[in-house]
């Protein structure tokens, strides 16, 4: 019996929005555009130490340390942006040097950061992990600022920027499952 070759179905590539250079924030024109999706959760710095060898508890080995924009909401928004969607993040970022760098890095990835809660008294959150050739050895998430900000990150859904009691946000939302129960309940009620 001859082998059946599957028929190829042609796919159309995603259309990317045309950019206007005068009003670009990051890679897209976000000044007046409503986001396609809201990503609610952590936006922080990932600090990752990687070693090319197997590691055990207490090991001291050479490797590389990198700092990258991260957090569940940021990672989701960056992925959506790569697929041509306008993704906005609702999170807490400190109004400090690290926070300014993080917001700029998100904008370079095409993420709408206009609705971030920028705190004067909370630092920018961080996540630190140590990885060896055998996988994740240890990790610590310092997301106290997001937890302390609580429902303040949801203000754009209530104050008219993205929604209000009379006209709630009707678009898509992607949620970070690591949010507090209280904040998840607030999102569900809005």
N, C-alpha and C. Protein backbone atom coordinates (compact mmCIF):
# COMPACT_ATOMS: atom_id res chain seq x y z
N UNK A 1 0.85 -1.17 0.00
CA UNK A 1 0.00 0.00 0.00
C UNK A 1 0.90 1.24 0.00
N UNK A 2 0.67 2.18 -0.91
CA UNK A 2 1.51 3.39 -0.97
C UNK A 2 1.29 4.26 0.27
N UNK A 3 2.39 4.92 0.65
CA UNK A 3 2.34 5.81 1.81
C UNK A 3 1.59 7.09 1.48
N UNK A 4 0.74 7.51 2.36
CA UNK A 4 -0.03 8.72 2.14
C UNK A 4 0.74 9.93 2.61
N UNK A 5 0.83 10.91 1.76
CA UNK A 5 1.50 12.16 2.10
C UNK A 5 0.43 13.17 2.48
N UNK A 6 0.55 13.75 3.68
CA UNK A 6 -0.48 14.73 4.07
C UNK A 6 -0.46 15.95 3.16
N UNK A 7 -1.63 16.44 2.88
CA UNK A 7 -1.75 17.63 2.05
C UNK A 7 -1.42 18.86 2.86
N UNK A 8 -0.62 19.72 2.31
CA UNK A 8 -0.24 20.96 3.00
C UNK A 8 -1.31 22.01 2.77
N UNK A 9 -1.72 22.61 3.86
CA UNK A 9 -2.71 23.68 3.79
C UNK A 9 -1.95 24.99 3.91
N UNK A 10 -2.11 25.87 2.91
CA UNK A 10 -1.38 27.14 3.00
C UNK A 10 -1.91 28.00 4.14
N UNK A 11 -1.00 28.64 4.84
CA UNK A 11 -1.36 29.54 5.94
C UNK A 11 -0.98 30.96 5.58
N UNK A 12 -1.82 31.88 5.96
CA UNK A 12 -1.47 33.29 5.77
C UNK A 12 -0.70 33.76 6.98
N UNK A 13 0.39 34.48 6.77
CA UNK A 13 1.13 35.00 7.92
C UNK A 13 0.32 36.08 8.64
N UNK A 14 0.61 36.23 9.94
CA UNK A 14 -0.04 37.30 10.70
C UNK A 14 0.32 38.65 10.12
N UNK A 15 -0.66 39.52 10.02
CA UNK A 15 -0.37 40.88 9.56
C UNK A 15 0.09 41.69 10.74
N UNK A 16 1.21 42.33 10.60
CA UNK A 16 1.73 43.20 11.65
C UNK A 16 1.18 44.60 11.42
N UNK A 17 0.84 45.31 12.50
CA UNK A 17 0.34 46.68 12.32
C UNK A 17 1.41 47.60 11.76
N UNK A 18 0.96 48.54 10.92
CA UNK A 18 1.90 49.52 10.37
C UNK A 18 2.28 50.50 11.46
N UNK A 19 3.54 50.80 11.54
CA UNK A 19 4.03 51.68 12.59
C UNK A 19 4.15 53.11 12.10
N UNK A 20 3.81 54.05 12.97
CA UNK A 20 4.02 55.46 12.69
C UNK A 20 5.11 55.94 13.62
N UNK A 21 6.17 56.47 13.07
CA UNK A 21 7.34 56.78 13.88
C UNK A 21 7.12 57.87 14.92
N UNK A 22 6.18 58.76 14.74
CA UNK A 22 6.03 59.89 15.66
C UNK A 22 5.48 59.48 17.03
N UNK A 23 4.67 58.47 17.08
CA UNK A 23 4.00 58.15 18.35
C UNK A 23 4.22 56.70 18.77
N UNK A 24 5.42 56.22 18.60
CA UNK A 24 5.68 54.82 18.92
C UNK A 24 6.19 54.69 20.34
N UNK A 25 5.58 53.77 21.07
CA UNK A 25 6.08 53.38 22.38
C UNK A 25 6.51 51.93 22.18
N UNK A 26 7.79 51.65 22.29
CA UNK A 26 8.26 50.31 22.00
C UNK A 26 8.16 50.06 20.51
N UNK A 27 7.58 48.91 20.13
CA UNK A 27 7.52 48.53 18.73
C UNK A 27 6.21 48.89 18.05
N UNK A 28 5.22 49.32 18.81
CA UNK A 28 3.91 49.58 18.23
C UNK A 28 3.41 50.97 18.59
N UNK A 29 2.44 51.42 17.83
CA UNK A 29 1.78 52.69 18.14
C UNK A 29 0.77 52.41 19.25
N UNK A 30 1.14 52.75 20.46
CA UNK A 30 0.28 52.44 21.60
C UNK A 30 -0.37 53.66 22.21
N UNK A 31 -0.09 54.83 21.66
CA UNK A 31 -0.55 56.05 22.31
C UNK A 31 -2.07 56.09 22.42
N UNK A 32 -2.79 55.74 21.38
CA UNK A 32 -4.24 55.81 21.42
C UNK A 32 -4.91 54.45 21.28
N UNK A 33 -4.13 53.40 21.07
CA UNK A 33 -4.70 52.08 20.82
C UNK A 33 -5.16 51.42 22.11
N UNK A 34 -6.33 50.80 22.05
CA UNK A 34 -6.78 49.97 23.17
C UNK A 34 -6.06 48.63 23.03
N UNK A 35 -5.63 48.05 24.13
CA UNK A 35 -4.93 46.77 24.03
C UNK A 35 -5.87 45.66 23.57
N UNK A 36 -5.28 44.66 22.92
CA UNK A 36 -6.04 43.47 22.54
C UNK A 36 -6.24 42.55 23.74
N UNK A 37 -5.27 42.57 24.66
CA UNK A 37 -5.30 41.69 25.82
C UNK A 37 -4.60 42.35 26.99
N UNK A 38 -5.12 42.12 28.19
CA UNK A 38 -4.48 42.61 29.42
C UNK A 38 -3.80 41.43 30.10
N UNK A 39 -2.56 41.62 30.50
CA UNK A 39 -1.82 40.60 31.24
C UNK A 39 -1.63 41.14 32.65
N UNK A 40 -2.24 40.47 33.62
CA UNK A 40 -2.24 40.95 35.00
C UNK A 40 -1.38 40.03 35.85
N UNK A 41 -0.36 40.61 36.49
CA UNK A 41 0.51 39.81 37.35
C UNK A 41 1.90 40.39 37.44
N UNK A 42 2.87 39.54 37.63
CA UNK A 42 4.23 40.00 37.91
C UNK A 42 4.97 40.49 36.67
N UNK A 43 5.63 41.63 36.86
CA UNK A 43 6.58 42.20 35.90
C UNK A 43 7.79 42.53 36.77
N UNK A 44 8.88 41.83 36.55
CA UNK A 44 10.03 41.95 37.44
C UNK A 44 11.32 41.61 36.70
N UNK A 45 12.43 41.71 37.41
CA UNK A 45 13.72 41.30 36.84
C UNK A 45 13.98 39.85 37.22
N UNK A 46 14.30 39.02 36.22
CA UNK A 46 14.77 37.66 36.45
C UNK A 46 16.29 37.72 36.54
N UNK A 47 16.84 37.26 37.63
CA UNK A 47 18.29 37.16 37.79
C UNK A 47 18.59 35.67 37.85
N UNK A 48 19.24 35.17 36.81
CA UNK A 48 19.44 33.73 36.65
C UNK A 48 20.93 33.41 36.63
N UNK A 49 21.34 32.55 37.54
CA UNK A 49 22.70 32.02 37.54
C UNK A 49 22.68 30.63 36.92
N UNK A 50 23.48 30.42 35.87
CA UNK A 50 23.50 29.13 35.18
C UNK A 50 24.91 28.55 35.19
N UNK A 51 24.99 27.29 35.53
CA UNK A 51 26.27 26.57 35.51
C UNK A 51 26.16 25.43 34.50
N UNK A 52 27.22 25.14 33.76
CA UNK A 52 27.16 24.08 32.75
C UNK A 52 27.32 22.68 33.34
N UNK A 53 27.50 22.57 34.65
CA UNK A 53 27.71 21.27 35.29
C UNK A 53 26.54 20.94 36.22
N UNK A 54 26.47 19.66 36.59
CA UNK A 54 25.47 19.26 37.59
C UNK A 54 25.81 19.94 38.90
N UNK A 55 24.78 20.33 39.63
CA UNK A 55 24.99 21.01 40.91
C UNK A 55 24.21 20.31 42.01
N UNK A 56 24.78 20.34 43.19
CA UNK A 56 24.11 19.84 44.39
C UNK A 56 23.98 21.00 45.36
N UNK A 57 23.21 20.81 46.40
CA UNK A 57 23.07 21.86 47.41
C UNK A 57 24.45 22.22 47.97
N UNK A 58 24.71 23.50 48.06
CA UNK A 58 25.99 23.98 48.59
C UNK A 58 27.12 24.02 47.58
N UNK A 59 26.86 23.66 46.33
CA UNK A 59 27.91 23.65 45.30
C UNK A 59 28.35 25.08 44.99
N UNK A 60 29.63 25.22 44.68
CA UNK A 60 30.21 26.51 44.28
C UNK A 60 30.94 26.26 42.97
N UNK A 61 30.30 26.61 41.86
CA UNK A 61 30.84 26.30 40.54
C UNK A 61 30.84 27.55 39.66
N UNK A 62 31.70 27.58 38.64
CA UNK A 62 31.68 28.72 37.72
C UNK A 62 30.44 28.66 36.82
N UNK A 63 30.02 29.82 36.36
CA UNK A 63 28.87 29.89 35.47
C UNK A 63 28.65 31.31 35.00
N UNK A 64 27.46 31.59 34.54
CA UNK A 64 27.09 32.93 34.06
C UNK A 64 25.85 33.40 34.81
N UNK A 65 25.80 34.72 35.04
CA UNK A 65 24.65 35.33 35.69
C UNK A 65 24.07 36.36 34.73
N UNK A 66 22.77 36.26 34.47
CA UNK A 66 22.10 37.20 33.56
C UNK A 66 20.92 37.86 34.27
N UNK A 67 20.58 39.03 33.80
CA UNK A 67 19.40 39.75 34.29
C UNK A 67 18.52 40.02 33.08
N UNK A 68 17.29 39.53 33.13
CA UNK A 68 16.35 39.66 32.01
C UNK A 68 15.01 40.15 32.52
N UNK A 69 14.26 40.89 31.69
CA UNK A 69 12.88 41.21 32.08
C UNK A 69 12.10 39.90 32.19
N UNK A 70 11.31 39.78 33.24
CA UNK A 70 10.56 38.55 33.44
C UNK A 70 9.29 38.78 34.22
N UNK A 71 8.79 37.70 34.75
CA UNK A 71 7.51 37.70 35.45
C UNK A 71 6.44 37.13 34.53
N UNK A 72 5.46 36.49 35.11
CA UNK A 72 4.43 35.81 34.31
C UNK A 72 3.72 36.78 33.37
N UNK A 73 3.26 37.92 33.87
CA UNK A 73 2.53 38.87 33.03
C UNK A 73 3.42 39.42 31.91
N UNK A 74 4.68 39.72 32.23
CA UNK A 74 5.59 40.25 31.21
C UNK A 74 5.86 39.19 30.15
N UNK A 75 6.11 37.95 30.56
CA UNK A 75 6.38 36.88 29.60
C UNK A 75 5.18 36.63 28.69
N UNK A 76 3.99 36.63 29.26
CA UNK A 76 2.78 36.47 28.43
C UNK A 76 2.64 37.63 27.45
N UNK A 77 2.79 38.86 27.94
CA UNK A 77 2.63 40.04 27.09
C UNK A 77 3.67 40.04 25.96
N UNK A 78 4.90 39.66 26.26
CA UNK A 78 5.94 39.62 25.23
C UNK A 78 5.60 38.60 24.16
N UNK A 79 5.06 37.46 24.57
CA UNK A 79 4.67 36.44 23.59
C UNK A 79 3.52 36.94 22.72
N UNK A 80 2.51 37.53 23.34
CA UNK A 80 1.40 38.08 22.55
C UNK A 80 1.89 39.15 21.58
N UNK A 81 2.80 40.00 22.03
CA UNK A 81 3.34 41.07 21.17
C UNK A 81 4.08 40.47 19.98
N UNK A 82 4.81 39.39 20.20
CA UNK A 82 5.52 38.74 19.08
C UNK A 82 4.55 38.22 18.03
N UNK A 83 3.33 37.91 18.43
CA UNK A 83 2.32 37.43 17.49
C UNK A 83 1.44 38.56 16.95
N UNK A 84 1.84 39.80 17.20
CA UNK A 84 1.16 40.94 16.60
C UNK A 84 0.03 41.53 17.41
N UNK A 85 -0.20 41.04 18.61
CA UNK A 85 -1.26 41.60 19.46
C UNK A 85 -0.71 42.76 20.29
N UNK A 86 -1.57 43.70 20.62
CA UNK A 86 -1.19 44.77 21.54
C UNK A 86 -1.54 44.28 22.94
N UNK A 87 -0.50 44.02 23.72
CA UNK A 87 -0.68 43.48 25.07
C UNK A 87 -0.27 44.54 26.09
N UNK A 88 -1.14 44.79 27.05
CA UNK A 88 -0.84 45.72 28.14
C UNK A 88 -0.65 44.93 29.42
N UNK A 89 0.23 45.44 30.29
CA UNK A 89 0.46 44.78 31.58
C UNK A 89 -0.12 45.64 32.71
N UNK A 90 -0.76 44.97 33.65
CA UNK A 90 -1.21 45.58 34.89
C UNK A 90 -0.40 44.92 35.99
N UNK A 91 0.47 45.71 36.60
CA UNK A 91 1.38 45.20 37.62
C UNK A 91 1.90 46.37 38.43
N UNK A 92 2.79 46.07 39.37
CA UNK A 92 3.46 47.11 40.17
C UNK A 92 4.94 47.10 39.85
N UNK A 93 5.49 48.27 39.55
CA UNK A 93 6.92 48.43 39.29
C UNK A 93 7.37 49.65 40.07
N UNK A 94 8.48 49.53 40.78
CA UNK A 94 8.98 50.64 41.56
C UNK A 94 9.38 51.83 40.70
N UNK A 95 9.24 53.01 41.27
CA UNK A 95 9.70 54.22 40.58
C UNK A 95 11.15 54.44 41.00
N UNK A 96 12.00 53.51 40.56
CA UNK A 96 13.42 53.52 40.87
C UNK A 96 14.19 53.23 39.59
N UNK A 97 15.51 53.24 39.66
CA UNK A 97 16.32 53.00 38.47
C UNK A 97 16.04 51.66 37.83
N UNK A 98 15.92 50.61 38.65
CA UNK A 98 15.62 49.28 38.11
C UNK A 98 14.25 49.26 37.44
N UNK A 99 13.30 49.97 38.03
CA UNK A 99 11.96 50.03 37.46
C UNK A 99 11.95 50.76 36.13
N UNK A 100 12.69 51.87 36.04
CA UNK A 100 12.77 52.62 34.78
C UNK A 100 13.38 51.75 33.69
N UNK A 101 14.45 51.01 34.03
CA UNK A 101 15.07 50.11 33.05
C UNK A 101 14.11 49.01 32.63
N UNK A 102 13.36 48.47 33.58
CA UNK A 102 12.42 47.39 33.28
C UNK A 102 11.29 47.87 32.37
N UNK A 103 10.74 49.04 32.65
CA UNK A 103 9.68 49.60 31.81
C UNK A 103 10.20 49.83 30.39
N UNK A 104 11.42 50.35 30.27
CA UNK A 104 12.01 50.58 28.94
C UNK A 104 12.23 49.25 28.21
N UNK A 105 12.67 48.22 28.93
CA UNK A 105 12.89 46.91 28.31
C UNK A 105 11.57 46.31 27.84
N UNK A 106 10.51 46.48 28.61
CA UNK A 106 9.18 46.00 28.20
C UNK A 106 8.71 46.74 26.95
N UNK A 107 8.88 48.06 26.93
CA UNK A 107 8.47 48.85 25.77
C UNK A 107 9.22 48.42 24.52
N UNK A 108 10.51 48.09 24.65
CA UNK A 108 11.28 47.61 23.49
C UNK A 108 10.74 46.29 22.96
N UNK A 109 10.08 45.54 23.81
CA UNK A 109 9.48 44.27 23.39
C UNK A 109 8.05 44.47 22.85
N UNK A 110 7.61 45.71 22.77
CA UNK A 110 6.29 46.00 22.22
C UNK A 110 5.16 45.88 23.21
N UNK A 111 5.47 45.93 24.50
CA UNK A 111 4.46 45.79 25.55
C UNK A 111 3.97 47.18 25.97
N UNK A 112 2.67 47.31 26.10
CA UNK A 112 2.05 48.56 26.55
C UNK A 112 2.20 48.65 28.07
N UNK A 113 3.00 49.61 28.52
CA UNK A 113 3.27 49.77 29.96
C UNK A 113 2.56 51.00 30.54
N UNK A 114 1.65 51.61 29.78
CA UNK A 114 0.99 52.84 30.23
C UNK A 114 0.19 52.67 31.51
N UNK A 115 -0.26 51.46 31.80
CA UNK A 115 -1.18 51.25 32.91
C UNK A 115 -0.52 50.59 34.12
N UNK A 116 0.81 50.54 34.14
CA UNK A 116 1.52 50.00 35.30
C UNK A 116 1.32 50.91 36.51
N UNK A 117 1.23 50.32 37.67
CA UNK A 117 1.23 51.09 38.92
C UNK A 117 2.69 51.30 39.28
N UNK A 118 3.16 52.56 39.25
CA UNK A 118 4.55 52.91 39.59
C UNK A 118 4.56 53.46 41.00
N UNK A 119 5.19 52.73 41.90
CA UNK A 119 5.20 53.10 43.31
C UNK A 119 6.46 53.87 43.67
N UNK A 120 6.28 54.96 44.43
CA UNK A 120 7.42 55.72 44.94
C UNK A 120 8.05 55.07 46.16
N UNK A 121 7.29 54.25 46.87
CA UNK A 121 7.81 53.68 48.12
C UNK A 121 8.03 52.17 48.08
N UNK A 122 7.79 51.53 46.95
CA UNK A 122 8.04 50.09 46.82
C UNK A 122 9.11 49.86 45.77
N UNK A 123 10.06 48.96 46.02
CA UNK A 123 11.10 48.70 45.03
C UNK A 123 10.58 47.80 43.91
N UNK A 124 11.31 47.76 42.82
CA UNK A 124 10.98 46.86 41.72
C UNK A 124 11.25 45.42 42.16
N UNK A 125 10.30 44.53 41.87
CA UNK A 125 10.42 43.14 42.28
C UNK A 125 11.49 42.40 41.48
N UNK A 126 11.99 41.30 42.08
CA UNK A 126 13.01 40.48 41.44
C UNK A 126 12.76 39.00 41.72
N UNK A 127 13.27 38.19 40.81
CA UNK A 127 13.23 36.73 40.94
C UNK A 127 14.65 36.24 40.70
N UNK A 128 15.14 35.37 41.58
CA UNK A 128 16.49 34.86 41.42
C UNK A 128 16.45 33.34 41.38
N UNK A 129 17.12 32.76 40.40
CA UNK A 129 17.18 31.31 40.27
C UNK A 129 18.61 30.88 40.02
N UNK A 130 18.92 29.67 40.48
CA UNK A 130 20.21 29.03 40.20
C UNK A 130 19.90 27.74 39.47
N UNK A 131 20.50 27.59 38.28
CA UNK A 131 20.26 26.42 37.45
C UNK A 131 21.58 25.74 37.12
N UNK A 132 21.56 24.43 37.15
CA UNK A 132 22.71 23.64 36.73
C UNK A 132 22.33 22.80 35.54
N UNK A 133 23.24 21.96 35.07
CA UNK A 133 22.94 21.08 33.95
C UNK A 133 21.81 20.12 34.32
N UNK A 134 21.59 19.90 35.60
CA UNK A 134 20.52 19.02 36.07
C UNK A 134 19.22 19.76 36.38
N UNK A 135 19.11 21.02 35.94
CA UNK A 135 17.86 21.76 36.09
C UNK A 135 17.90 22.80 37.19
N UNK A 136 16.72 23.22 37.62
CA UNK A 136 16.60 24.25 38.65
C UNK A 136 17.08 23.71 39.99
N UNK A 137 18.01 24.44 40.61
CA UNK A 137 18.54 24.06 41.91
C UNK A 137 17.78 24.79 43.02
N UNK A 138 17.58 26.08 42.84
CA UNK A 138 16.85 26.87 43.84
C UNK A 138 16.34 28.15 43.20
N UNK A 139 15.28 28.71 43.77
CA UNK A 139 14.74 29.98 43.28
C UNK A 139 14.08 30.72 44.43
N UNK A 140 14.14 32.05 44.34
CA UNK A 140 13.50 32.91 45.33
C UNK A 140 12.78 34.02 44.56
N UNK A 141 11.48 34.18 44.83
CA UNK A 141 10.70 35.24 44.20
C UNK A 141 10.49 36.35 45.22
N UNK A 142 11.04 37.51 44.94
CA UNK A 142 10.85 38.68 45.80
C UNK A 142 9.81 39.56 45.12
N UNK A 143 8.54 39.18 45.30
CA UNK A 143 7.43 39.90 44.66
C UNK A 143 6.60 40.64 45.71
N UNK A 144 7.26 41.14 46.73
CA UNK A 144 6.56 41.83 47.81
C UNK A 144 5.88 43.11 47.34
N UNK A 145 6.45 43.78 46.37
CA UNK A 145 5.85 45.04 45.90
C UNK A 145 4.52 44.79 45.21
N UNK A 146 4.46 43.74 44.39
CA UNK A 146 3.20 43.39 43.73
C UNK A 146 2.15 43.04 44.79
N UNK A 147 2.55 42.27 45.78
CA UNK A 147 1.61 41.90 46.85
C UNK A 147 1.17 43.13 47.65
N UNK A 148 2.12 44.02 47.96
CA UNK A 148 1.78 45.23 48.73
C UNK A 148 0.89 46.18 47.94
N UNK A 149 1.10 46.27 46.63
CA UNK A 149 0.27 47.16 45.80
C UNK A 149 -1.16 46.65 45.73
N UNK A 150 -1.33 45.34 45.73
CA UNK A 150 -2.67 44.74 45.74
C UNK A 150 -3.57 45.29 44.65
N UNK A 151 -4.76 45.71 45.03
CA UNK A 151 -5.78 46.17 44.07
C UNK A 151 -5.41 47.46 43.37
N UNK A 152 -4.36 48.16 43.80
CA UNK A 152 -3.95 49.38 43.11
C UNK A 152 -3.59 49.10 41.65
N UNK A 153 -3.12 47.88 41.37
CA UNK A 153 -2.76 47.57 39.98
C UNK A 153 -3.99 47.47 39.09
N UNK A 154 -5.17 47.33 39.70
CA UNK A 154 -6.42 47.19 38.93
C UNK A 154 -7.12 48.52 38.68
N UNK A 155 -6.58 49.61 39.17
CA UNK A 155 -7.23 50.92 39.01
C UNK A 155 -7.62 51.25 37.57
N UNK A 156 -6.78 50.93 36.56
CA UNK A 156 -7.19 51.26 35.18
C UNK A 156 -8.48 50.57 34.75
N UNK A 157 -8.86 49.48 35.43
CA UNK A 157 -10.11 48.79 35.11
C UNK A 157 -11.32 49.48 35.75
N UNK A 158 -11.05 50.44 36.64
CA UNK A 158 -12.14 51.09 37.36
C UNK A 158 -12.24 52.59 37.10
N UNK A 159 -11.13 53.22 36.72
CA UNK A 159 -11.10 54.69 36.63
C UNK A 159 -11.36 55.24 35.23
N UNK A 160 -11.77 54.37 34.31
CA UNK A 160 -12.10 54.84 32.97
C UNK A 160 -11.00 54.67 31.94
N UNK A 161 -9.77 54.44 32.37
CA UNK A 161 -8.70 54.25 31.38
C UNK A 161 -8.90 52.97 30.58
N UNK A 162 -9.30 51.89 31.24
CA UNK A 162 -9.57 50.63 30.55
C UNK A 162 -10.98 50.12 30.81
N UNK A 163 -11.64 50.69 31.75
CA UNK A 163 -12.99 50.26 32.09
C UNK A 163 -13.50 51.05 33.27
N UNK A 164 -14.76 50.80 33.61
CA UNK A 164 -15.39 51.45 34.77
C UNK A 164 -16.55 50.58 35.21
N UNK A 165 -17.21 50.98 36.29
CA UNK A 165 -18.37 50.23 36.77
C UNK A 165 -19.47 50.21 35.71
N UNK A 166 -19.63 51.34 35.00
CA UNK A 166 -20.67 51.43 33.97
C UNK A 166 -20.27 50.79 32.65
N UNK A 167 -18.98 50.76 32.38
CA UNK A 167 -18.47 50.19 31.12
C UNK A 167 -17.25 49.32 31.43
N UNK A 168 -17.49 48.11 31.96
CA UNK A 168 -16.36 47.26 32.33
C UNK A 168 -15.55 46.80 31.12
N UNK A 169 -14.28 46.48 31.38
CA UNK A 169 -13.40 45.95 30.34
C UNK A 169 -14.05 44.70 29.76
N UNK A 170 -14.19 44.64 28.44
CA UNK A 170 -14.85 43.51 27.79
C UNK A 170 -13.87 42.65 27.01
N UNK A 171 -12.59 43.01 27.04
CA UNK A 171 -11.59 42.27 26.27
C UNK A 171 -11.03 41.08 27.02
N UNK A 172 -10.00 40.51 26.41
CA UNK A 172 -9.34 39.34 26.97
C UNK A 172 -8.42 39.72 28.13
N UNK A 173 -8.31 38.81 29.08
CA UNK A 173 -7.41 38.98 30.22
C UNK A 173 -6.63 37.69 30.42
N UNK A 174 -5.31 37.82 30.60
CA UNK A 174 -4.46 36.68 30.96
C UNK A 174 -3.98 36.94 32.39
N UNK A 175 -4.21 35.98 33.28
CA UNK A 175 -3.89 36.16 34.70
C UNK A 175 -2.69 35.33 35.12
N UNK A 176 -1.87 35.92 35.95
CA UNK A 176 -0.76 35.23 36.61
C UNK A 176 -1.37 34.41 37.75
N UNK A 177 -1.20 33.12 37.72
CA UNK A 177 -1.75 32.25 38.76
C UNK A 177 -1.09 32.41 40.11
N UNK A 178 0.00 33.17 40.18
CA UNK A 178 0.69 33.39 41.45
C UNK A 178 0.17 34.60 42.22
N UNK A 179 -0.85 35.27 41.70
CA UNK A 179 -1.43 36.42 42.42
C UNK A 179 -2.09 35.94 43.71
N UNK A 180 -2.22 36.84 44.66
CA UNK A 180 -2.88 36.48 45.92
C UNK A 180 -4.35 36.15 45.67
N UNK A 181 -4.92 35.34 46.56
CA UNK A 181 -6.34 34.99 46.45
C UNK A 181 -7.22 36.25 46.45
N UNK A 182 -6.85 37.21 47.29
CA UNK A 182 -7.61 38.45 47.39
C UNK A 182 -7.61 39.21 46.06
N UNK A 183 -6.44 39.30 45.42
CA UNK A 183 -6.36 40.03 44.16
C UNK A 183 -7.08 39.27 43.05
N UNK A 184 -6.97 37.94 43.04
CA UNK A 184 -7.71 37.15 42.04
C UNK A 184 -9.22 37.36 42.22
N UNK A 185 -9.69 37.44 43.46
CA UNK A 185 -11.11 37.70 43.71
C UNK A 185 -11.50 39.09 43.23
N UNK A 186 -10.61 40.08 43.42
CA UNK A 186 -10.88 41.43 42.93
C UNK A 186 -11.00 41.45 41.41
N UNK A 187 -10.13 40.71 40.72
CA UNK A 187 -10.19 40.65 39.26
C UNK A 187 -11.49 39.99 38.83
N UNK A 188 -11.86 38.91 39.49
CA UNK A 188 -13.09 38.20 39.13
C UNK A 188 -14.32 39.08 39.34
N UNK A 189 -14.27 39.98 40.32
CA UNK A 189 -15.40 40.84 40.60
C UNK A 189 -15.46 42.09 39.75
N UNK A 190 -14.40 42.38 39.00
CA UNK A 190 -14.41 43.61 38.20
C UNK A 190 -14.90 43.38 36.80
